[in-house]
Amino acid sequence: MDPADLPQIDAFQSEHSREMMVSTEPVADAYYLMSTNIGASTNWFPEEIGL
């Protein structure tokens, strides 16, 4: 998917972290669901944090 089509936050614009993002839809206001590399757990990733 083209990064320009994704939410304009660091987690989706970085190729490394984009692979761990579960969905482009927020799970709560300004939070997206991120999975660990091995899929053992998920975390809420805030929009404001940089990588």
N, C-alpha and C. Protein backbone atom coordinates (compact mmCIF):
# COMPACT_ATOMS: atom_id res chain seq x y z
N MET A 1 0.84 -1.18 0.00
CA MET A 1 0.00 0.00 0.00
C MET A 1 0.89 1.24 0.00
N ASP A 2 0.48 2.23 -0.72
CA ASP A 2 1.22 3.48 -0.83
C ASP A 2 1.11 4.25 0.50
N PRO A 3 2.26 4.66 1.09
CA PRO A 3 2.22 5.41 2.35
C PRO A 3 1.37 6.67 2.28
N ALA A 4 1.22 7.26 1.11
CA ALA A 4 0.40 8.46 0.96
C ALA A 4 -1.07 8.17 1.23
N ASP A 5 -1.48 6.92 1.06
CA ASP A 5 -2.87 6.52 1.30
C ASP A 5 -3.13 6.16 2.76
N LEU A 6 -2.10 6.11 3.58
CA LEU A 6 -2.22 5.72 4.98
C LEU A 6 -2.33 6.94 5.88
N PRO A 7 -2.77 6.75 7.13
CA PRO A 7 -2.80 7.88 8.06
C PRO A 7 -1.42 8.54 8.16
N GLN A 8 -1.40 9.84 8.24
CA GLN A 8 -0.15 10.60 8.26
C GLN A 8 0.45 10.67 9.67
N ILE A 9 0.76 9.50 10.22
CA ILE A 9 1.45 9.42 11.50
C ILE A 9 2.69 8.56 11.30
N ASP A 10 3.70 8.75 12.14
CA ASP A 10 4.99 8.08 11.97
C ASP A 10 4.88 6.56 11.86
N ALA A 11 4.03 5.95 12.64
CA ALA A 11 3.93 4.49 12.65
C ALA A 11 3.52 3.92 11.29
N PHE A 12 2.73 4.65 10.53
CA PHE A 12 2.31 4.17 9.21
C PHE A 12 3.27 4.62 8.12
N GLN A 13 4.03 5.65 8.35
CA GLN A 13 4.95 6.15 7.33
C GLN A 13 6.30 5.44 7.37
N SER A 14 6.64 4.81 8.48
CA SER A 14 7.88 4.03 8.60
C SER A 14 7.63 2.60 8.11
N GLU A 15 8.46 2.14 7.19
CA GLU A 15 8.28 0.80 6.63
C GLU A 15 8.35 -0.28 7.72
N HIS A 16 9.26 -0.11 8.67
CA HIS A 16 9.43 -1.10 9.73
C HIS A 16 8.19 -1.20 10.62
N SER A 17 7.71 -0.08 11.13
CA SER A 17 6.57 -0.14 12.04
C SER A 17 5.25 -0.38 11.30
N ARG A 18 5.17 0.00 10.04
CA ARG A 18 3.94 -0.22 9.26
C ARG A 18 3.57 -1.69 9.25
N GLU A 19 4.56 -2.57 9.21
CA GLU A 19 4.31 -4.02 9.19
C GLU A 19 3.62 -4.50 10.47
N MET A 20 3.78 -3.77 11.55
CA MET A 20 3.21 -4.19 12.83
C MET A 20 1.84 -3.57 13.12
N MET A 21 1.43 -2.60 12.31
CA MET A 21 0.14 -1.96 12.53
C MET A 21 -0.96 -2.91 12.09
N VAL A 22 -1.96 -3.09 12.95
CA VAL A 22 -3.03 -4.05 12.71
C VAL A 22 -4.08 -3.48 11.76
N SER A 23 -4.40 -2.20 11.90
CA SER A 23 -5.47 -1.60 11.10
C SER A 23 -5.23 -0.11 10.94
N THR A 24 -5.74 0.45 9.86
CA THR A 24 -5.65 1.89 9.65
C THR A 24 -6.78 2.63 10.36
N GLU A 25 -7.70 1.89 10.94
CA GLU A 25 -8.81 2.48 11.70
C GLU A 25 -8.40 2.61 13.17
N PRO A 26 -8.58 3.78 13.78
CA PRO A 26 -8.22 3.93 15.20
C PRO A 26 -9.12 3.07 16.10
N VAL A 27 -8.53 2.56 17.18
CA VAL A 27 -9.30 1.78 18.16
C VAL A 27 -9.93 2.71 19.20
N ALA A 28 -9.39 3.89 19.32
CA ALA A 28 -9.92 4.94 20.21
C ALA A 28 -9.42 6.26 19.63
N ASP A 29 -9.88 7.35 20.18
CA ASP A 29 -9.48 8.66 19.68
C ASP A 29 -7.96 8.80 19.71
N ALA A 30 -7.34 8.89 18.53
CA ALA A 30 -5.90 9.09 18.34
C ALA A 30 -5.04 7.89 18.73
N TYR A 31 -5.60 6.69 18.75
CA TYR A 31 -4.83 5.47 19.05
C TYR A 31 -5.11 4.40 17.99
N TYR A 32 -4.04 3.73 17.57
CA TYR A 32 -4.13 2.65 16.59
C TYR A 32 -3.59 1.37 17.20
N LEU A 33 -4.06 0.24 16.72
CA LEU A 33 -3.64 -1.04 17.26
C LEU A 33 -2.36 -1.51 16.57
N MET A 34 -1.35 -1.83 17.38
CA MET A 34 -0.05 -2.29 16.89
C MET A 34 0.23 -3.65 17.51
N SER A 35 0.73 -4.58 16.71
CA SER A 35 1.08 -5.92 17.17
C SER A 35 2.59 -6.03 17.34
N THR A 36 3.04 -6.93 18.19
CA THR A 36 4.47 -7.17 18.31
C THR A 36 4.96 -7.92 17.07
N ASN A 37 6.27 -7.96 16.88
CA ASN A 37 6.85 -8.64 15.71
C ASN A 37 6.40 -10.09 15.59
N ILE A 38 6.27 -10.78 16.72
CA ILE A 38 5.90 -12.20 16.67
C ILE A 38 4.41 -12.42 16.90
N GLY A 39 3.66 -11.33 17.03
CA GLY A 39 2.22 -11.43 17.20
C GLY A 39 1.78 -11.92 18.57
N ALA A 40 2.65 -11.83 19.56
CA ALA A 40 2.34 -12.32 20.90
C ALA A 40 1.40 -11.40 21.67
N SER A 41 1.42 -10.11 21.33
CA SER A 41 0.54 -9.18 22.03
C SER A 41 0.26 -7.98 21.13
N THR A 42 -0.68 -7.16 21.55
CA THR A 42 -0.99 -5.92 20.84
C THR A 42 -0.96 -4.77 21.83
N ASN A 43 -0.72 -3.58 21.31
CA ASN A 43 -0.67 -2.36 22.11
C ASN A 43 -1.42 -1.26 21.39
N TRP A 44 -1.89 -0.30 22.14
CA TRP A 44 -2.47 0.89 21.53
C TRP A 44 -1.32 1.85 21.27
N PHE A 45 -1.18 2.29 20.03
CA PHE A 45 -0.10 3.19 19.62
C PHE A 45 -0.68 4.59 19.42
N PRO A 46 -0.20 5.60 20.17
CA PRO A 46 -0.75 6.95 20.04
C PRO A 46 -0.23 7.66 18.78
N GLU A 47 -1.04 8.50 18.21
CA GLU A 47 -0.66 9.26 17.02
C GLU A 47 0.55 10.15 17.26
N GLU A 48 0.64 10.78 18.42
CA GLU A 48 1.64 11.82 18.66
C GLU A 48 3.06 11.31 18.83
N ILE A 49 3.25 10.07 19.11
CA ILE A 49 4.59 9.56 19.41
C ILE A 49 5.39 9.39 18.12
N GLY A 50 6.64 9.74 18.15
CA GLY A 50 7.51 9.55 17.00
C GLY A 50 8.32 8.27 17.14
N LEU A 51 8.85 7.82 16.06
CA LEU A 51 9.67 6.59 16.08
C LEU A 51 11.12 6.90 15.95
